[in-house]
Amino acid sequence: MENHLNNLFNFTTEHIRRCLLCSQKGFLCEICASAEVIYPFQLEVTSRCLACFSVYHKNCLEKQRCPKCTRRERYMQQQPNIDSQYLLLDMD
């Protein structure tokens, strides 16, 4: 049974890496900027951000905060309050 599961895992992993469509579902680690495509199923080497679900190398995410979440927070802080913009418009 274990041998069968290992073979199935290896076959599936190889398919994902070679298939033009499936390989596009991988991630690039923004933290270390490695060109290596990583996948969420690589549990030994990857970690997923619990907030935005982006995938990074496990070691990278342990050392640094999620860059995507950091960008989102910065963007939200820079955005003016949309409701107050509408209240200030002169409708004459």
PDB file of N, CA and C in Angstrom:
ATOM      1  N   MET A   1       0.824  -1.202   0.000  1.00  0.00           N
ATOM      2  CA  MET A   1       0.000   0.000   0.000  1.00  0.00           C
ATOM      3  C   MET A   1       0.870   1.269   0.000  1.00  0.00           C
ATOM      4  N   GLU A   2       1.876   1.285   0.891  1.00  0.00           N
ATOM      5  CA  GLU A   2       2.761   2.452   0.964  1.00  0.00           C
ATOM      6  C   GLU A   2       3.504   2.655  -0.358  1.00  0.00           C
ATOM      7  N   ASN A   3       3.960   1.567  -0.944  1.00  0.00           N
ATOM      8  CA  ASN A   3       4.657   1.644  -2.224  1.00  0.00           C
ATOM      9  C   ASN A   3       3.737   2.208  -3.307  1.00  0.00           C
ATOM     10  N   HIS A   4       2.499   1.753  -3.313  1.00  0.00           N
ATOM     11  CA  HIS A   4       1.517   2.240  -4.285  1.00  0.00           C
ATOM     12  C   HIS A   4       1.277   3.740  -4.108  1.00  0.00           C
ATOM     13  N   LEU A   5       1.127   4.190  -2.873  1.00  0.00           N
ATOM     14  CA  LEU A   5       0.910   5.616  -2.605  1.00  0.00           C
ATOM     15  C   LEU A   5       2.122   6.457  -3.004  1.00  0.00           C
ATOM     16  N   ASN A   6       3.315   5.945  -2.744  1.00  0.00           N
ATOM     17  CA  ASN A   6       4.533   6.657  -3.164  1.00  0.00           C
ATOM     18  C   ASN A   6       4.597   6.789  -4.677  1.00  0.00           C
ATOM     19  N   ASN A   7       4.270   5.706  -5.378  1.00  0.00           N
ATOM     20  CA  ASN A   7       4.264   5.752  -6.842  1.00  0.00           C
ATOM     21  C   ASN A   7       3.231   6.745  -7.359  1.00  0.00           C
ATOM     22  N   LEU A   8       2.065   6.735  -6.757  1.00  0.00           N
ATOM     23  CA  LEU A   8       1.006   7.661  -7.148  1.00  0.00           C
ATOM     24  C   LEU A   8       1.426   9.108  -6.890  1.00  0.00           C
ATOM     25  N   PHE A   9       2.027   9.355  -5.742  1.00  0.00           N
ATOM     26  CA  PHE A   9       2.508  10.697  -5.413  1.00  0.00           C
ATOM     27  C   PHE A   9       3.571  11.151  -6.417  1.00  0.00           C
ATOM     28  N   ASN A  10       4.519  10.290  -6.718  1.00  0.00           N
ATOM     29  CA  ASN A  10       5.582  10.635  -7.672  1.00  0.00           C
ATOM     30  C   ASN A  10       5.018  10.905  -9.062  1.00  0.00           C
ATOM     31  N   PHE A  11       4.082  10.066  -9.496  1.00  0.00           N
ATOM     32  CA  PHE A  11       3.455  10.260 -10.803  1.00  0.00           C
ATOM     33  C   PHE A  11       2.717  11.600 -10.860  1.00  0.00           C
ATOM     34  N   THR A  12       1.943  11.882  -9.818  1.00  0.00           N
ATOM     35  CA  THR A  12       1.162  13.120  -9.774  1.00  0.00           C
ATOM     36  C   THR A  12       2.069  14.341  -9.721  1.00  0.00           C
ATOM     37  N   THR A  13       3.087  14.284  -8.906  1.00  0.00           N
ATOM     38  CA  THR A  13       4.036  15.397  -8.795  1.00  0.00           C
ATOM     39  C   THR A  13       4.716  15.664 -10.130  1.00  0.00           C
ATOM     40  N   GLU A  14       5.140  14.614 -10.796  1.00  0.00           N
ATOM     41  CA  GLU A  14       5.791  14.767 -12.100  1.00  0.00           C
ATOM     42  C   GLU A  14       4.822  15.351 -13.124  1.00  0.00           C
ATOM     43  N   HIS A  15       3.577  14.904 -13.092  1.00  0.00           N
ATOM     44  CA  HIS A  15       2.569  15.454 -14.000  1.00  0.00           C
ATOM     45  C   HIS A  15       2.406  16.955 -13.770  1.00  0.00           C
ATOM     46  N   ILE A  16       2.283  17.363 -12.525  1.00  0.00           N
ATOM     47  CA  ILE A  16       2.083  18.780 -12.204  1.00  0.00           C
ATOM     48  C   ILE A  16       3.254  19.615 -12.711  1.00  0.00           C
ATOM     49  N   ARG A  17       4.446  19.117 -12.561  1.00  0.00           N
ATOM     50  CA  ARG A  17       5.638  19.864 -13.003  1.00  0.00           C
ATOM     51  C   ARG A  17       5.745  19.949 -14.532  1.00  0.00           C
ATOM     52  N   ARG A  18       5.275  18.931 -15.237  1.00  0.00           N
ATOM     53  CA  ARG A  18       5.423  18.897 -16.699  1.00  0.00           C
ATOM     54  C   ARG A  18       4.217  19.429 -17.468  1.00  0.00           C
ATOM     55  N   CYS A  19       3.050  19.325 -16.902  1.00  0.00           N
ATOM     56  CA  CYS A  19       1.822  19.738 -17.580  1.00  0.00           C
ATOM     57  C   CYS A  19       1.780  21.262 -17.675  1.00  0.00           C
ATOM     58  N   LEU A  20       1.545  21.763 -18.861  1.00  0.00           N
ATOM     59  CA  LEU A  20       1.529  23.204 -19.087  1.00  0.00           C
ATOM     60  C   LEU A  20       0.477  23.895 -18.229  1.00  0.00           C
ATOM     61  N   LEU A  21      -0.682  23.310 -18.116  1.00  0.00           N
ATOM     62  CA  LEU A  21      -1.760  23.912 -17.328  1.00  0.00           C
ATOM     63  C   LEU A  21      -1.506  23.784 -15.822  1.00  0.00           C
ATOM     64  N   CYS A  22      -1.179  22.593 -15.371  1.00  0.00           N
ATOM     65  CA  CYS A  22      -0.985  22.357 -13.934  1.00  0.00           C
ATOM     66  C   CYS A  22       0.232  23.095 -13.385  1.00  0.00           C
ATOM     67  N   SER A  23       1.280  23.179 -14.168  1.00  0.00           N
ATOM     68  CA  SER A  23       2.495  23.850 -13.685  1.00  0.00           C
ATOM     69  C   SER A  23       2.258  25.334 -13.431  1.00  0.00           C
ATOM     70  N   GLN A  24       1.245  25.904 -14.063  1.00  0.00           N
ATOM     71  CA  GLN A  24       0.924  27.321 -13.876  1.00  0.00           C
ATOM     72  C   GLN A  24       0.278  27.591 -12.517  1.00  0.00           C
ATOM     73  N   LYS A  25      -0.062  26.557 -11.790  1.00  0.00           N
ATOM     74  CA  LYS A  25      -0.715  26.705 -10.484  1.00  0.00           C
ATOM     75  C   LYS A  25       0.294  26.839  -9.345  1.00  0.00           C
ATOM     76  N   GLY A  26       1.569  26.844  -9.674  1.00  0.00           N
ATOM     77  CA  GLY A  26       2.607  26.958  -8.655  1.00  0.00           C
ATOM     78  C   GLY A  26       2.815  28.391  -8.206  1.00  0.00           C
ATOM     79  N   PHE A  27       3.683  28.562  -7.240  1.00  0.00           N
ATOM     80  CA  PHE A  27       3.999  29.867  -6.672  1.00  0.00           C
ATOM     81  C   PHE A  27       5.494  30.124  -6.764  1.00  0.00           C
ATOM     82  N   LEU A  28       5.867  31.386  -6.797  1.00  0.00           N
ATOM     83  CA  LEU A  28       7.258  31.796  -6.648  1.00  0.00           C
ATOM     84  C   LEU A  28       7.372  32.457  -5.284  1.00  0.00           C
ATOM     85  N   CYS A  29       8.379  32.099  -4.533  1.00  0.00           N
ATOM     86  CA  CYS A  29       8.561  32.672  -3.205  1.00  0.00           C
ATOM     87  C   CYS A  29       9.007  34.125  -3.357  1.00  0.00           C
ATOM     88  N   GLU A  30       8.141  35.040  -2.959  1.00  0.00           N
ATOM     89  CA  GLU A  30       8.449  36.471  -3.051  1.00  0.00           C
ATOM     90  C   GLU A  30       9.529  36.893  -2.074  1.00  0.00           C
ATOM     91  N   ILE A  31       9.691  36.150  -1.019  1.00  0.00           N
ATOM     92  CA  ILE A  31      10.626  36.547   0.028  1.00  0.00           C
ATOM     93  C   ILE A  31      12.066  36.359  -0.429  1.00  0.00           C
ATOM     94  N   CYS A  32      12.388  35.197  -0.964  1.00  0.00           N
ATOM     95  CA  CYS A  32      13.772  34.947  -1.392  1.00  0.00           C
ATOM     96  C   CYS A  32      13.972  35.170  -2.888  1.00  0.00           C
ATOM     97  N   ALA A  33      12.887  35.362  -3.618  1.00  0.00           N
ATOM     98  CA  ALA A  33      12.922  35.618  -5.061  1.00  0.00           C
ATOM     99  C   ALA A  33      13.572  34.479  -5.849  1.00  0.00           C
ATOM    100  N   SER A  34      13.460  33.273  -5.344  1.00  0.00           N
ATOM    101  CA  SER A  34      13.982  32.111  -6.054  1.00  0.00           C
ATOM    102  C   SER A  34      13.156  31.873  -7.316  1.00  0.00           C
ATOM    103  N   ALA A  35      13.802  31.397  -8.359  1.00  0.00           N
ATOM    104  CA  ALA A  35      13.107  31.098  -9.613  1.00  0.00           C
ATOM    105  C   ALA A  35      12.422  29.729  -9.563  1.00  0.00           C
ATOM    106  N   GLU A  36      12.652  28.988  -8.497  1.00  0.00           N
ATOM    107  CA  GLU A  36      12.055  27.662  -8.340  1.00  0.00           C
ATOM    108  C   GLU A  36      10.552  27.790  -8.063  1.00  0.00           C
ATOM    109  N   VAL A  37       9.749  27.086  -8.846  1.00  0.00           N
ATOM    110  CA  VAL A  37       8.304  27.079  -8.633  1.00  0.00           C
ATOM    111  C   VAL A  37       8.007  26.121  -7.479  1.00  0.00           C
ATOM    112  N   ILE A  38       7.203  26.601  -6.530  1.00  0.00           N
ATOM    113  CA  ILE A  38       6.846  25.773  -5.378  1.00  0.00           C
ATOM    114  C   ILE A  38       5.328  25.570  -5.349  1.00  0.00           C
ATOM    115  N   TYR A  39       4.918  24.473  -4.712  1.00  0.00           N
ATOM    116  CA  TYR A  39       3.509  24.095  -4.680  1.00  0.00           C
ATOM    117  C   TYR A  39       3.072  23.851  -3.236  1.00  0.00           C
ATOM    118  N   PRO A  40       1.810  24.119  -2.937  1.00  0.00           N
ATOM    119  CA  PRO A  40       1.317  23.941  -1.564  1.00  0.00           C
ATOM    120  C   PRO A  40       1.428  22.507  -1.045  1.00  0.00           C
ATOM    121  N   PHE A  41       1.440  21.524  -1.934  1.00  0.00           N
ATOM    122  CA  PHE A  41       1.518  20.137  -1.485  1.00  0.00           C
ATOM    123  C   PHE A  41       2.925  19.739  -1.054  1.00  0.00           C
ATOM    124  N   GLN A  42       3.905  20.597  -1.254  1.00  0.00           N
ATOM    125  CA  GLN A  42       5.275  20.321  -0.809  1.00  0.00           C
ATOM    126  C   GLN A  42       5.390  20.705   0.670  1.00  0.00           C
ATOM    127  N   LEU A  43       4.752  19.937   1.513  1.00  0.00           N
ATOM    128  CA  LEU A  43       4.604  20.276   2.928  1.00  0.00           C
ATOM    129  C   LEU A  43       5.930  20.388   3.674  1.00  0.00           C
ATOM    130  N   GLU A  44       6.948  19.686   3.209  1.00  0.00           N
ATOM    131  CA  GLU A  44       8.235  19.713   3.904  1.00  0.00           C
ATOM    132  C   GLU A  44       8.950  21.049   3.718  1.00  0.00           C
ATOM    133  N   VAL A  45       8.717  21.702   2.580  1.00  0.00           N
ATOM    134  CA  VAL A  45       9.493  22.909   2.259  1.00  0.00           C
ATOM    135  C   VAL A  45       8.655  24.175   2.106  1.00  0.00           C
ATOM    136  N   THR A  46       7.327  24.053   2.115  1.00  0.00           N
ATOM    137  CA  THR A  46       6.502  25.249   1.912  1.00  0.00           C
ATOM    138  C   THR A  46       5.585  25.509   3.097  1.00  0.00           C
ATOM    139  N   SER A  47       5.176  26.762   3.184  1.00  0.00           N
ATOM    140  CA  SER A  47       4.209  27.196   4.185  1.00  0.00           C
ATOM    141  C   SER A  47       3.236  28.127   3.506  1.00  0.00           C
ATOM    142  N   ARG A  48       2.008  28.107   3.955  1.00  0.00           N
ATOM    143  CA  ARG A  48       0.972  28.950   3.367  1.00  0.00           C
ATOM    144  C   ARG A  48       0.589  30.021   4.379  1.00  0.00           C
ATOM    145  N   CYS A  49       0.496  31.263   3.910  1.00  0.00           N
ATOM    146  CA  CYS A  49       0.052  32.355   4.773  1.00  0.00           C
ATOM    147  C   CYS A  49      -1.395  32.084   5.180  1.00  0.00           C
ATOM    148  N   LEU A  50      -1.668  32.169   6.454  1.00  0.00           N
ATOM    149  CA  LEU A  50      -3.016  31.873   6.947  1.00  0.00           C
ATOM    150  C   LEU A  50      -4.012  32.969   6.596  1.00  0.00           C
ATOM    151  N   ALA A  51      -3.529  34.159   6.279  1.00  0.00           N
ATOM    152  CA  ALA A  51      -4.424  35.276   5.965  1.00  0.00           C
ATOM    153  C   ALA A  51      -4.779  35.336   4.481  1.00  0.00           C
ATOM    154  N   CYS A  52      -3.776  35.241   3.595  1.00  0.00           N
ATOM    155  CA  CYS A  52      -4.034  35.424   2.159  1.00  0.00           C
ATOM    156  C   CYS A  52      -3.818  34.149   1.339  1.00  0.00           C
ATOM    157  N   PHE A  53      -3.297  33.109   1.973  1.00  0.00           N
ATOM    158  CA  PHE A  53      -3.094  31.797   1.352  1.00  0.00           C
ATOM    159  C   PHE A  53      -1.984  31.755   0.305  1.00  0.00           C
ATOM    160  N   SER A  54      -1.132  32.772   0.247  1.00  0.00           N
ATOM    161  CA  SER A  54       0.035  32.713  -0.631  1.00  0.00           C
ATOM    162  C   SER A  54       1.005  31.666  -0.088  1.00  0.00           C
ATOM    163  N   VAL A  55       1.824  31.122  -0.972  1.00  0.00           N
ATOM    164  CA  VAL A  55       2.746  30.051  -0.594  1.00  0.00           C
ATOM    165  C   VAL A  55       4.182  30.561  -0.667  1.00  0.00           C
ATOM    166  N   TYR A  56       4.960  30.212   0.354  1.00  0.00           N
ATOM    167  CA  TYR A  56       6.361  30.620   0.454  1.00  0.00           C
ATOM    168  C   TYR A  56       7.178  29.431   0.939  1.00  0.00           C
ATOM    169  N   HIS A  57       8.504  29.528   0.811  1.00  0.00           N
ATOM    170  CA  HIS A  57       9.354  28.533   1.453  1.00  0.00           C
ATOM    171  C   HIS A  57       9.130  28.639   2.959  1.00  0.00           C
ATOM    172  N   LYS A  58       9.079  27.523   3.615  1.00  0.00           N
ATOM    173  CA  LYS A  58       8.827  27.492   5.054  1.00  0.00           C
ATOM    174  C   LYS A  58       9.856  28.341   5.806  1.00  0.00           C
ATOM    175  N   ASN A  59      11.131  28.178   5.462  1.00  0.00           N
ATOM    176  CA  ASN A  59      12.193  28.941   6.133  1.00  0.00           C
ATOM    177  C   ASN A  59      12.044  30.435   5.900  1.00  0.00           C
ATOM    178  N   CYS A  60      11.632  30.822   4.725  1.00  0.00           N
ATOM    179  CA  CYS A  60      11.481  32.244   4.396  1.00  0.00           C
ATOM    180  C   CYS A  60      10.355  32.874   5.206  1.00  0.00           C
ATOM    181  N   LEU A  61       9.225  32.200   5.287  1.00  0.00           N
ATOM    182  CA  LEU A  61       8.065  32.756   5.990  1.00  0.00           C
ATOM    183  C   LEU A  61       8.289  32.808   7.497  1.00  0.00           C
ATOM    184  N   GLU A  62       9.167  31.952   8.009  1.00  0.00           N
ATOM    185  CA  GLU A  62       9.497  32.002   9.440  1.00  0.00           C
ATOM    186  C   GLU A  62      10.321  33.243   9.766  1.00  0.00           C
ATOM    187  N   LYS A  63      11.108  33.717   8.804  1.00  0.00           N
ATOM    188  CA  LYS A  63      12.011  34.853   9.034  1.00  0.00           C
ATOM    189  C   LYS A  63      11.359  36.200   8.769  1.00  0.00           C
ATOM    190  N   GLN A  64      10.339  36.221   7.954  1.00  0.00           N
ATOM    191  CA  GLN A  64       9.763  37.492   7.507  1.00  0.00           C
ATOM    192  C   GLN A  64       8.248  37.376   7.399  1.00  0.00           C
ATOM    193  N   ARG A  65       7.580  38.490   7.594  1.00  0.00           N
ATOM    194  CA  ARG A  65       6.129  38.560   7.444  1.00  0.00           C
ATOM    195  C   ARG A  65       5.731  38.379   5.981  1.00  0.00           C
ATOM    196  N   CYS A  66       4.532  37.941   5.731  1.00  0.00           N
ATOM    197  CA  CYS A  66       4.030  37.740   4.375  1.00  0.00           C
ATOM    198  C   CYS A  66       4.051  39.069   3.610  1.00  0.00           C
ATOM    199  N   PRO A  67       4.784  39.139   2.496  1.00  0.00           N
ATOM    200  CA  PRO A  67       4.872  40.385   1.736  1.00  0.00           C
ATOM    201  C   PRO A  67       3.540  40.820   1.128  1.00  0.00           C
ATOM    202  N   LYS A  68       2.723  39.870   0.739  1.00  0.00           N
ATOM    203  CA  LYS A  68       1.429  40.221   0.145  1.00  0.00           C
ATOM    204  C   LYS A  68       0.531  40.884   1.188  1.00  0.00           C
ATOM    205  N   CYS A  69       0.493  40.343   2.395  1.00  0.00           N
ATOM    206  CA  CYS A  69      -0.309  40.941   3.466  1.00  0.00           C
ATOM    207  C   CYS A  69       0.234  42.314   3.846  1.00  0.00           C
ATOM    208  N   THR A  70       1.547  42.451   3.851  1.00  0.00           N
ATOM    209  CA  THR A  70       2.165  43.743   4.158  1.00  0.00           C
ATOM    210  C   THR A  70       1.759  44.778   3.121  1.00  0.00           C
ATOM    211  N   ARG A  71       1.785  44.403   1.843  1.00  0.00           N
ATOM    212  CA  ARG A  71       1.365  45.322   0.772  1.00  0.00           C
ATOM    213  C   ARG A  71      -0.103  45.694   0.915  1.00  0.00           C
ATOM    214  N   ARG A  72      -0.933  44.718   1.204  1.00  0.00           N
ATOM    215  CA  ARG A  72      -2.370  44.987   1.375  1.00  0.00           C
ATOM    216  C   ARG A  72      -2.618  45.965   2.520  1.00  0.00           C
ATOM    217  N   GLU A  73      -1.936  45.756   3.636  1.00  0.00           N
ATOM    218  CA  GLU A  73      -2.105  46.650   4.783  1.00  0.00           C
ATOM    219  C   GLU A  73      -1.653  48.064   4.440  1.00  0.00           C
ATOM    220  N   ARG A  74      -0.521  48.174   3.769  1.00  0.00           N
ATOM    221  CA  ARG A  74      -0.009  49.490   3.371  1.00  0.00           C
ATOM    222  C   ARG A  74      -0.988  50.177   2.419  1.00  0.00           C
ATOM    223  N   TYR A  75      -1.532  49.439   1.487  1.00  0.00           N
ATOM    224  CA  TYR A  75      -2.496  49.981   0.532  1.00  0.00           C
ATOM    225  C   TYR A  75      -3.743  50.490   1.257  1.00  0.00           C
ATOM    226  N   MET A  76      -4.244  49.683   2.182  1.00  0.00           N
ATOM    227  CA  MET A  76      -5.455  50.065   2.910  1.00  0.00           C
ATOM    228  C   MET A  76      -5.221  51.313   3.764  1.00  0.00           C
ATOM    229  N   GLN A  77      -4.030  51.464   4.307  1.00  0.00           N
ATOM    230  CA  GLN A  77      -3.716  52.640   5.121  1.00  0.00           C
ATOM    231  C   GLN A  77      -3.602  53.890   4.261  1.00  0.00           C
ATOM    232  N   GLN A  78      -3.195  53.732   3.016  1.00  0.00           N
ATOM    233  CA  GLN A  78      -3.003  54.882   2.129  1.00  0.00           C
ATOM    234  C   GLN A  78      -4.291  55.325   1.453  1.00  0.00           C
ATOM    235  N   GLN A  79      -5.298  54.488   1.471  1.00  0.00           N
ATOM    236  CA  GLN A  79      -6.549  54.824   0.800  1.00  0.00           C
ATOM    237  C   GLN A  79      -7.370  55.779   1.655  1.00  0.00           C
ATOM    238  N   PRO A  80      -7.817  56.881   1.078  1.00  0.00           N
ATOM    239  CA  PRO A  80      -8.689  57.775   1.842  1.00  0.00           C
ATOM    240  C   PRO A  80     -10.036  57.098   2.073  1.00  0.00           C
ATOM    241  N   ASN A  81     -10.708  57.552   3.053  1.00  0.00           N
ATOM    242  CA  ASN A  81     -12.022  56.999   3.367  1.00  0.00           C
ATOM    243  C   ASN A  81     -12.983  57.379   2.242  1.00  0.00           C
ATOM    244  N   ILE A  82     -13.434  56.417   1.492  1.00  0.00           N
ATOM    245  CA  ILE A  82     -14.267  56.670   0.314  1.00  0.00           C
ATOM    246  C   ILE A  82     -15.578  57.344   0.706  1.00  0.00           C
ATOM    247  N   ASP A  83     -16.186  56.933   1.800  1.00  0.00           N
ATOM    248  CA  ASP A  83     -17.447  57.544   2.234  1.00  0.00           C
ATOM    249  C   ASP A  83     -17.289  59.037   2.469  1.00  0.00           C
ATOM    250  N   SER A  84     -16.195  59.441   3.095  1.00  0.00           N
ATOM    251  CA  SER A  84     -16.010  60.865   3.378  1.00  0.00           C
ATOM    252  C   SER A  84     -15.782  61.653   2.092  1.00  0.00           C
ATOM    253  N   GLN A  85     -15.220  61.030   1.072  1.00  0.00           N
ATOM    254  CA  GLN A  85     -15.047  61.719  -0.215  1.00  0.00           C
ATOM    255  C   GLN A  85     -16.403  62.070  -0.808  1.00  0.00           C
ATOM    256  N   TYR A  86     -17.347  61.142  -0.717  1.00  0.00           N
ATOM    257  CA  TYR A  86     -18.670  61.400  -1.277  1.00  0.00           C
ATOM    258  C   TYR A  86     -19.413  62.467  -0.480  1.00  0.00           C
ATOM    259  N   LEU A  87     -19.190  62.517   0.812  1.00  0.00           N
ATOM    260  CA  LEU A  87     -19.853  63.516   1.649  1.00  0.00           C
ATOM    261  C   LEU A  87     -19.344  64.923   1.358  1.00  0.00           C
ATOM    262  N   LEU A  88     -18.091  65.038   0.907  1.00  0.00           N
ATOM    263  CA  LEU A  88     -17.497  66.348   0.664  1.00  0.00           C
ATOM    264  C   LEU A  88     -17.797  66.891  -0.729  1.00  0.00           C
ATOM    265  N   LEU A  89     -18.355  66.080  -1.593  1.00  0.00           N
ATOM    266  CA  LEU A  89     -18.650  66.536  -2.951  1.00  0.00           C
ATOM    267  C   LEU A  89     -19.779  67.556  -2.940  1.00  0.00           C
ATOM    268  N   ASP A  90     -19.594  68.625  -3.679  1.00  0.00           N
ATOM    269  CA  ASP A  90     -20.640  69.646  -3.810  1.00  0.00           C
ATOM    270  C   ASP A  90     -21.510  69.239  -4.988  1.00  0.00           C
ATOM    271  N   MET A  91     -22.760  69.001  -4.757  1.00  0.00           N
ATOM    272  CA  MET A  91     -23.652  68.489  -5.790  1.00  0.00           C
ATOM    273  C   MET A  91     -24.361  69.594  -6.566  1.00  0.00           C
ATOM    274  N   ASP A  92     -23.987  70.859  -6.408  1.00  0.00           N
ATOM    275  CA  ASP A  92     -24.650  71.964  -7.130  1.00  0.00           C
ATOM    276  C   ASP A  92     -24.325  71.969  -8.581  1.00  0.00           C
TER     277      ASP A  92
END
